[in-house]
Amino acid sequence: MIWMISFFISLPIGVNVSEHHEEGLANSAPDKTNLKTKVIISFLISFIPASLIYWVIEKKIFDNIFNNYIL
């Protein structure tokens, strides 16, 4: 989920629309999408919070708090 959100946020960043439109393509089609770079950046951005969430779950940090105070 984190990766998808960061990827979709990064999609419109740095997109340049051509002034000379080719026939058969949409007028809003970008010249270069830089998808490979955006996938890598989205992975790097999402790796940190995903790793933190995994670490918290594995260490069972919130289990004691949840069991002692909420239940």
PDB file of N, CA and C in Angstrom:
ATOM      1  N   MET A   1       0.821  -1.200   0.000  1.00  0.00           N
ATOM      2  CA  MET A   1       0.000   0.000   0.000  1.00  0.00           C
ATOM      3  C   MET A   1       0.860   1.257   0.000  1.00  0.00           C
ATOM      4  N   ILE A   2       1.897   1.256   0.824  1.00  0.00           N
ATOM      5  CA  ILE A   2       2.761   2.434   0.909  1.00  0.00           C
ATOM      6  C   ILE A   2       3.424   2.691  -0.441  1.00  0.00           C
ATOM      7  N   TRP A   3       3.873   1.603  -1.087  1.00  0.00           N
ATOM      8  CA  TRP A   3       4.538   1.762  -2.373  1.00  0.00           C
ATOM      9  C   TRP A   3       3.575   2.307  -3.418  1.00  0.00           C
ATOM     10  N   MET A   4       2.362   1.787  -3.440  1.00  0.00           N
ATOM     11  CA  MET A   4       1.392   2.236  -4.436  1.00  0.00           C
ATOM     12  C   MET A   4       1.058   3.711  -4.266  1.00  0.00           C
ATOM     13  N   ILE A   5       0.884   4.131  -3.031  1.00  0.00           N
ATOM     14  CA  ILE A   5       0.553   5.537  -2.778  1.00  0.00           C
ATOM     15  C   ILE A   5       1.701   6.436  -3.219  1.00  0.00           C
ATOM     16  N   SER A   6       2.934   6.081  -2.840  1.00  0.00           N
ATOM     17  CA  SER A   6       4.074   6.918  -3.232  1.00  0.00           C
ATOM     18  C   SER A   6       4.287   6.886  -4.749  1.00  0.00           C
ATOM     19  N   PHE A   7       4.008   5.750  -5.392  1.00  0.00           N
ATOM     20  CA  PHE A   7       4.160   5.676  -6.841  1.00  0.00           C
ATOM     21  C   PHE A   7       3.139   6.560  -7.553  1.00  0.00           C
ATOM     22  N   PHE A   8       1.878   6.486  -7.144  1.00  0.00           N
ATOM     23  CA  PHE A   8       0.854   7.297  -7.806  1.00  0.00           C
ATOM     24  C   PHE A   8       1.035   8.787  -7.527  1.00  0.00           C
ATOM     25  N   ILE A   9       1.602   9.129  -6.371  1.00  0.00           N
ATOM     26  CA  ILE A   9       1.903  10.533  -6.100  1.00  0.00           C
ATOM     27  C   ILE A   9       3.018  11.021  -7.014  1.00  0.00           C
ATOM     28  N   SER A  10       4.001  10.153  -7.298  1.00  0.00           N
ATOM     29  CA  SER A  10       5.150  10.566  -8.101  1.00  0.00           C
ATOM     30  C   SER A  10       4.871  10.592  -9.604  1.00  0.00           C
ATOM     31  N   LEU A  11       3.798   9.993 -10.063  1.00  0.00           N
ATOM     32  CA  LEU A  11       3.542   9.919 -11.504  1.00  0.00           C
ATOM     33  C   LEU A  11       3.488  11.290 -12.206  1.00  0.00           C
ATOM     34  N   PRO A  12       2.778  12.286 -11.700  1.00  0.00           N
ATOM     35  CA  PRO A  12       2.729  13.548 -12.446  1.00  0.00           C
ATOM     36  C   PRO A  12       3.962  14.439 -12.276  1.00  0.00           C
ATOM     37  N   ILE A  13       4.888  14.068 -11.409  1.00  0.00           N
ATOM     38  CA  ILE A  13       6.066  14.906 -11.154  1.00  0.00           C
ATOM     39  C   ILE A  13       7.037  14.798 -12.323  1.00  0.00           C
ATOM     40  N   GLY A  14       7.435  15.930 -12.863  1.00  0.00           N
ATOM     41  CA  GLY A  14       8.435  15.974 -13.924  1.00  0.00           C
ATOM     42  C   GLY A  14       7.942  15.568 -15.292  1.00  0.00           C
ATOM     43  N   VAL A  15       6.658  15.580 -15.523  1.00  0.00           N
ATOM     44  CA  VAL A  15       6.111  15.202 -16.832  1.00  0.00           C
ATOM     45  C   VAL A  15       5.983  16.457 -17.690  1.00  0.00           C
ATOM     46  N   ASN A  16       6.558  16.396 -18.888  1.00  0.00           N
ATOM     47  CA  ASN A  16       6.473  17.508 -19.830  1.00  0.00           C
ATOM     48  C   ASN A  16       5.629  17.083 -21.025  1.00  0.00           C
ATOM     49  N   VAL A  17       4.629  17.888 -21.344  1.00  0.00           N
ATOM     50  CA  VAL A  17       3.756  17.609 -22.485  1.00  0.00           C
ATOM     51  C   VAL A  17       4.338  18.308 -23.708  1.00  0.00           C
ATOM     52  N   SER A  18       4.410  17.582 -24.793  1.00  0.00           N
ATOM     53  CA  SER A  18       4.990  18.106 -26.025  1.00  0.00           C
ATOM     54  C   SER A  18       4.084  19.177 -26.634  1.00  0.00           C
ATOM     55  N   GLU A  19       4.726  20.174 -27.229  1.00  0.00           N
ATOM     56  CA  GLU A  19       3.955  21.200 -27.929  1.00  0.00           C
ATOM     57  C   GLU A  19       3.593  20.731 -29.340  1.00  0.00           C
ATOM     58  N   HIS A  20       4.385  19.819 -29.886  1.00  0.00           N
ATOM     59  CA  HIS A  20       4.142  19.276 -31.222  1.00  0.00           C
ATOM     60  C   HIS A  20       3.535  17.888 -31.053  1.00  0.00           C
ATOM     61  N   HIS A  21       2.255  17.791 -31.315  1.00  0.00           N
ATOM     62  CA  HIS A  21       1.528  16.551 -31.090  1.00  0.00           C
ATOM     63  C   HIS A  21       1.641  15.642 -32.308  1.00  0.00           C
ATOM     64  N   GLU A  22       1.905  14.368 -32.058  1.00  0.00           N
ATOM     65  CA  GLU A  22       1.940  13.391 -33.137  1.00  0.00           C
ATOM     66  C   GLU A  22       0.520  12.897 -33.396  1.00  0.00           C
ATOM     67  N   GLU A  23       0.240  12.615 -34.658  1.00  0.00           N
ATOM     68  CA  GLU A  23      -1.086  12.143 -35.004  1.00  0.00           C
ATOM     69  C   GLU A  23      -1.287  10.729 -34.453  1.00  0.00           C
ATOM     70  N   GLY A  24      -2.441  10.503 -33.868  1.00  0.00           N
ATOM     71  CA  GLY A  24      -2.758   9.204 -33.292  1.00  0.00           C
ATOM     72  C   GLY A  24      -2.470   9.118 -31.796  1.00  0.00           C
ATOM     73  N   LEU A  25      -1.822  10.119 -31.235  1.00  0.00           N
ATOM     74  CA  LEU A  25      -1.544  10.150 -29.795  1.00  0.00           C
ATOM     75  C   LEU A  25      -2.387  11.245 -29.138  1.00  0.00           C
ATOM     76  N   ALA A  26      -2.635  11.080 -27.874  1.00  0.00           N
ATOM     77  CA  ALA A  26      -3.406  12.095 -27.147  1.00  0.00           C
ATOM     78  C   ALA A  26      -2.602  13.379 -27.041  1.00  0.00           C
ATOM     79  N   ASN A  27      -3.301  14.510 -27.000  1.00  0.00           N
ATOM     80  CA  ASN A  27      -2.620  15.802 -26.871  1.00  0.00           C
ATOM     81  C   ASN A  27      -1.905  15.935 -25.532  1.00  0.00           C
ATOM     82  N   SER A  28      -2.343  15.181 -24.556  1.00  0.00           N
ATOM     83  CA  SER A  28      -1.738  15.273 -23.228  1.00  0.00           C
ATOM     84  C   SER A  28      -0.678  14.206 -22.984  1.00  0.00           C
ATOM     85  N   ALA A  29      -0.286  13.461 -24.017  1.00  0.00           N
ATOM     86  CA  ALA A  29       0.722  12.413 -23.859  1.00  0.00           C
ATOM     87  C   ALA A  29       2.085  13.038 -23.559  1.00  0.00           C
ATOM     88  N   PRO A  30       2.765  12.554 -22.522  1.00  0.00           N
ATOM     89  CA  PRO A  30       4.060  13.134 -22.159  1.00  0.00           C
ATOM     90  C   PRO A  30       5.173  12.711 -23.123  1.00  0.00           C
ATOM     91  N   ASP A  31       6.227  13.525 -23.198  1.00  0.00           N
ATOM     92  CA  ASP A  31       7.379  13.181 -24.021  1.00  0.00           C
ATOM     93  C   ASP A  31       8.124  11.989 -23.426  1.00  0.00           C
ATOM     94  N   LYS A  32       8.424  12.083 -22.156  1.00  0.00           N
ATOM     95  CA  LYS A  32       9.167  11.028 -21.474  1.00  0.00           C
ATOM     96  C   LYS A  32       8.560  10.856 -20.084  1.00  0.00           C
ATOM     97  N   THR A  33       8.221   9.612 -19.715  1.00  0.00           N
ATOM     98  CA  THR A  33       7.521   9.384 -18.450  1.00  0.00           C
ATOM     99  C   THR A  33       8.459   9.118 -17.283  1.00  0.00           C
ATOM    100  N   ASN A  34       9.683   8.649 -17.519  1.00  0.00           N
ATOM    101  CA  ASN A  34      10.653   8.318 -16.467  1.00  0.00           C
ATOM    102  C   ASN A  34      10.092   7.298 -15.481  1.00  0.00           C
ATOM    103  N   LEU A  35       9.406   6.291 -15.986  1.00  0.00           N
ATOM    104  CA  LEU A  35       8.766   5.309 -15.105  1.00  0.00           C
ATOM    105  C   LEU A  35       9.764   4.498 -14.294  1.00  0.00           C
ATOM    106  N   LYS A  36      10.876   4.123 -14.888  1.00  0.00           N
ATOM    107  CA  LYS A  36      11.865   3.318 -14.165  1.00  0.00           C
ATOM    108  C   LYS A  36      12.389   4.088 -12.945  1.00  0.00           C
ATOM    109  N   THR A  37      12.696   5.356 -13.129  1.00  0.00           N
ATOM    110  CA  THR A  37      13.174   6.180 -12.025  1.00  0.00           C
ATOM    111  C   THR A  37      12.108   6.334 -10.956  1.00  0.00           C
ATOM    112  N   LYS A  38      10.868   6.513 -11.352  1.00  0.00           N
ATOM    113  CA  LYS A  38       9.781   6.687 -10.390  1.00  0.00           C
ATOM    114  C   LYS A  38       9.505   5.414  -9.606  1.00  0.00           C
ATOM    115  N   VAL A  39       9.643   4.249 -10.249  1.00  0.00           N
ATOM    116  CA  VAL A  39       9.466   2.976  -9.545  1.00  0.00           C
ATOM    117  C   VAL A  39      10.551   2.807  -8.494  1.00  0.00           C
ATOM    118  N   ILE A  40      11.794   3.108  -8.856  1.00  0.00           N
ATOM    119  CA  ILE A  40      12.909   2.967  -7.913  1.00  0.00           C
ATOM    120  C   ILE A  40      12.769   3.941  -6.755  1.00  0.00           C
ATOM    121  N   ILE A  41      12.435   5.179  -7.030  1.00  0.00           N
ATOM    122  CA  ILE A  41      12.265   6.175  -5.967  1.00  0.00           C
ATOM    123  C   ILE A  41      11.107   5.802  -5.060  1.00  0.00           C
ATOM    124  N   SER A  42      10.014   5.307  -5.625  1.00  0.00           N
ATOM    125  CA  SER A  42       8.870   4.884  -4.814  1.00  0.00           C
ATOM    126  C   SER A  42       9.252   3.722  -3.907  1.00  0.00           C
ATOM    127  N   PHE A  43      10.065   2.796  -4.427  1.00  0.00           N
ATOM    128  CA  PHE A  43      10.530   1.687  -3.597  1.00  0.00           C
ATOM    129  C   PHE A  43      11.369   2.199  -2.434  1.00  0.00           C
ATOM    130  N   LEU A  44      12.286   3.109  -2.716  1.00  0.00           N
ATOM    131  CA  LEU A  44      13.152   3.621  -1.654  1.00  0.00           C
ATOM    132  C   LEU A  44      12.362   4.404  -0.603  1.00  0.00           C
ATOM    133  N   ILE A  45      11.377   5.160  -1.057  1.00  0.00           N
ATOM    134  CA  ILE A  45      10.543   5.925  -0.123  1.00  0.00           C
ATOM    135  C   ILE A  45       9.694   4.996   0.735  1.00  0.00           C
ATOM    136  N   SER A  46       9.153   3.944   0.140  1.00  0.00           N
ATOM    137  CA  SER A  46       8.264   3.049   0.882  1.00  0.00           C
ATOM    138  C   SER A  46       9.012   2.025   1.721  1.00  0.00           C
ATOM    139  N   PHE A  47      10.284   1.785   1.451  1.00  0.00           N
ATOM    140  CA  PHE A  47      11.058   0.781   2.191  1.00  0.00           C
ATOM    141  C   PHE A  47      11.223   1.170   3.654  1.00  0.00           C
ATOM    142  N   ILE A  48      11.430   2.436   3.940  1.00  0.00           N
ATOM    143  CA  ILE A  48      11.673   2.889   5.319  1.00  0.00           C
ATOM    144  C   ILE A  48      10.440   2.700   6.197  1.00  0.00           C
ATOM    145  N   PRO A  49       9.263   3.228   5.850  1.00  0.00           N
ATOM    146  CA  PRO A  49       8.109   3.000   6.731  1.00  0.00           C
ATOM    147  C   PRO A  49       7.674   1.534   6.789  1.00  0.00           C
ATOM    148  N   ALA A  50       7.813   0.803   5.674  1.00  0.00           N
ATOM    149  CA  ALA A  50       7.437  -0.616   5.685  1.00  0.00           C
ATOM    150  C   ALA A  50       8.364  -1.402   6.608  1.00  0.00           C
ATOM    151  N   SER A  51       9.652  -1.083   6.590  1.00  0.00           N
ATOM    152  CA  SER A  51      10.604  -1.742   7.491  1.00  0.00           C
ATOM    153  C   SER A  51      10.318  -1.409   8.942  1.00  0.00           C
ATOM    154  N   LEU A  52       9.958  -0.177   9.208  1.00  0.00           N
ATOM    155  CA  LEU A  52       9.625   0.239  10.569  1.00  0.00           C
ATOM    156  C   LEU A  52       8.376  -0.487  11.069  1.00  0.00           C
ATOM    157  N   ILE A  53       7.366  -0.596  10.240  1.00  0.00           N
ATOM    158  CA  ILE A  53       6.140  -1.311  10.616  1.00  0.00           C
ATOM    159  C   ILE A  53       6.443  -2.787  10.864  1.00  0.00           C
ATOM    160  N   TYR A  54       7.255  -3.396  10.004  1.00  0.00           N
ATOM    161  CA  TYR A  54       7.632  -4.794  10.179  1.00  0.00           C
ATOM    162  C   TYR A  54       8.384  -4.990  11.494  1.00  0.00           C
ATOM    163  N   TRP A  55       9.308  -4.093  11.798  1.00  0.00           N
ATOM    164  CA  TRP A  55      10.095  -4.182  13.036  1.00  0.00           C
ATOM    165  C   TRP A  55       9.194  -4.076  14.265  1.00  0.00           C
ATOM    166  N   VAL A  56       8.246  -3.152  14.255  1.00  0.00           N
ATOM    167  CA  VAL A  56       7.333  -2.974  15.390  1.00  0.00           C
ATOM    168  C   VAL A  56       6.482  -4.224  15.585  1.00  0.00           C
ATOM    169  N   ILE A  57       6.017  -4.826  14.514  1.00  0.00           N
ATOM    170  CA  ILE A  57       5.192  -6.025  14.614  1.00  0.00           C
ATOM    171  C   ILE A  57       6.021  -7.210  15.119  1.00  0.00           C
ATOM    172  N   GLU A  58       7.234  -7.363  14.611  1.00  0.00           N
ATOM    173  CA  GLU A  58       8.079  -8.481  15.017  1.00  0.00           C
ATOM    174  C   GLU A  58       8.516  -8.373  16.480  1.00  0.00           C
ATOM    175  N   LYS A  59       8.793  -7.183  16.949  1.00  0.00           N
ATOM    176  CA  LYS A  59       9.229  -6.986  18.334  1.00  0.00           C
ATOM    177  C   LYS A  59       8.059  -6.983  19.317  1.00  0.00           C
ATOM    178  N   LYS A  60       6.848  -7.002  18.792  1.00  0.00           N
ATOM    179  CA  LYS A  60       5.625  -7.005  19.595  1.00  0.00           C
ATOM    180  C   LYS A  60       5.608  -5.853  20.614  1.00  0.00           C
ATOM    181  N   ILE A  61       5.959  -4.694  20.129  1.00  0.00           N
ATOM    182  CA  ILE A  61       6.045  -3.509  20.983  1.00  0.00           C
ATOM    183  C   ILE A  61       4.670  -3.097  21.496  1.00  0.00           C
ATOM    184  N   PHE A  62       3.672  -3.139  20.648  1.00  0.00           N
ATOM    185  CA  PHE A  62       2.352  -2.668  21.048  1.00  0.00           C
ATOM    186  C   PHE A  62       1.497  -3.750  21.699  1.00  0.00           C
ATOM    187  N   ASP A  63       1.952  -4.990  21.699  1.00  0.00           N
ATOM    188  CA  ASP A  63       1.172  -6.058  22.325  1.00  0.00           C
ATOM    189  C   ASP A  63       0.991  -5.837  23.823  1.00  0.00           C
ATOM    190  N   ASN A  64       2.060  -5.482  24.498  1.00  0.00           N
ATOM    191  CA  ASN A  64       1.971  -5.243  25.951  1.00  0.00           C
ATOM    192  C   ASN A  64       1.077  -4.052  26.267  1.00  0.00           C
ATOM    193  N   ILE A  65       1.215  -2.999  25.513  1.00  0.00           N
ATOM    194  CA  ILE A  65       0.396  -1.806  25.743  1.00  0.00           C
ATOM    195  C   ILE A  65      -1.070  -2.146  25.483  1.00  0.00           C
ATOM    196  N   PHE A  66      -1.324  -2.815  24.395  1.00  0.00           N
ATOM    197  CA  PHE A  66      -2.697  -3.163  24.030  1.00  0.00           C
ATOM    198  C   PHE A  66      -3.316  -4.086  25.072  1.00  0.00           C
ATOM    199  N   ASN A  67      -2.599  -5.107  25.503  1.00  0.00           N
ATOM    200  CA  ASN A  67      -3.137  -6.070  26.456  1.00  0.00           C
ATOM    201  C   ASN A  67      -3.311  -5.472  27.852  1.00  0.00           C
ATOM    202  N   ASN A  68      -2.412  -4.620  28.289  1.00  0.00           N
ATOM    203  CA  ASN A  68      -2.461  -4.068  29.633  1.00  0.00           C
ATOM    204  C   ASN A  68      -3.476  -2.943  29.793  1.00  0.00           C
ATOM    205  N   TYR A  69      -3.574  -2.077  28.827  1.00  0.00           N
ATOM    206  CA  TYR A  69      -4.380  -0.880  28.999  1.00  0.00           C
ATOM    207  C   TYR A  69      -5.725  -0.911  28.284  1.00  0.00           C
ATOM    208  N   ILE A  70      -5.803  -1.588  27.181  1.00  0.00           N
ATOM    209  CA  ILE A  70      -7.047  -1.567  26.410  1.00  0.00           C
ATOM    210  C   ILE A  70      -7.942  -2.731  26.798  1.00  0.00           C
ATOM    211  N   LEU A  71      -7.372  -3.899  26.992  1.00  0.00           N
ATOM    212  CA  LEU A  71      -8.182  -5.050  27.346  1.00  0.00           C
ATOM    213  C   LEU A  71      -8.275  -5.067  28.821  1.00  0.00           C
TER     214      LEU A  71
END
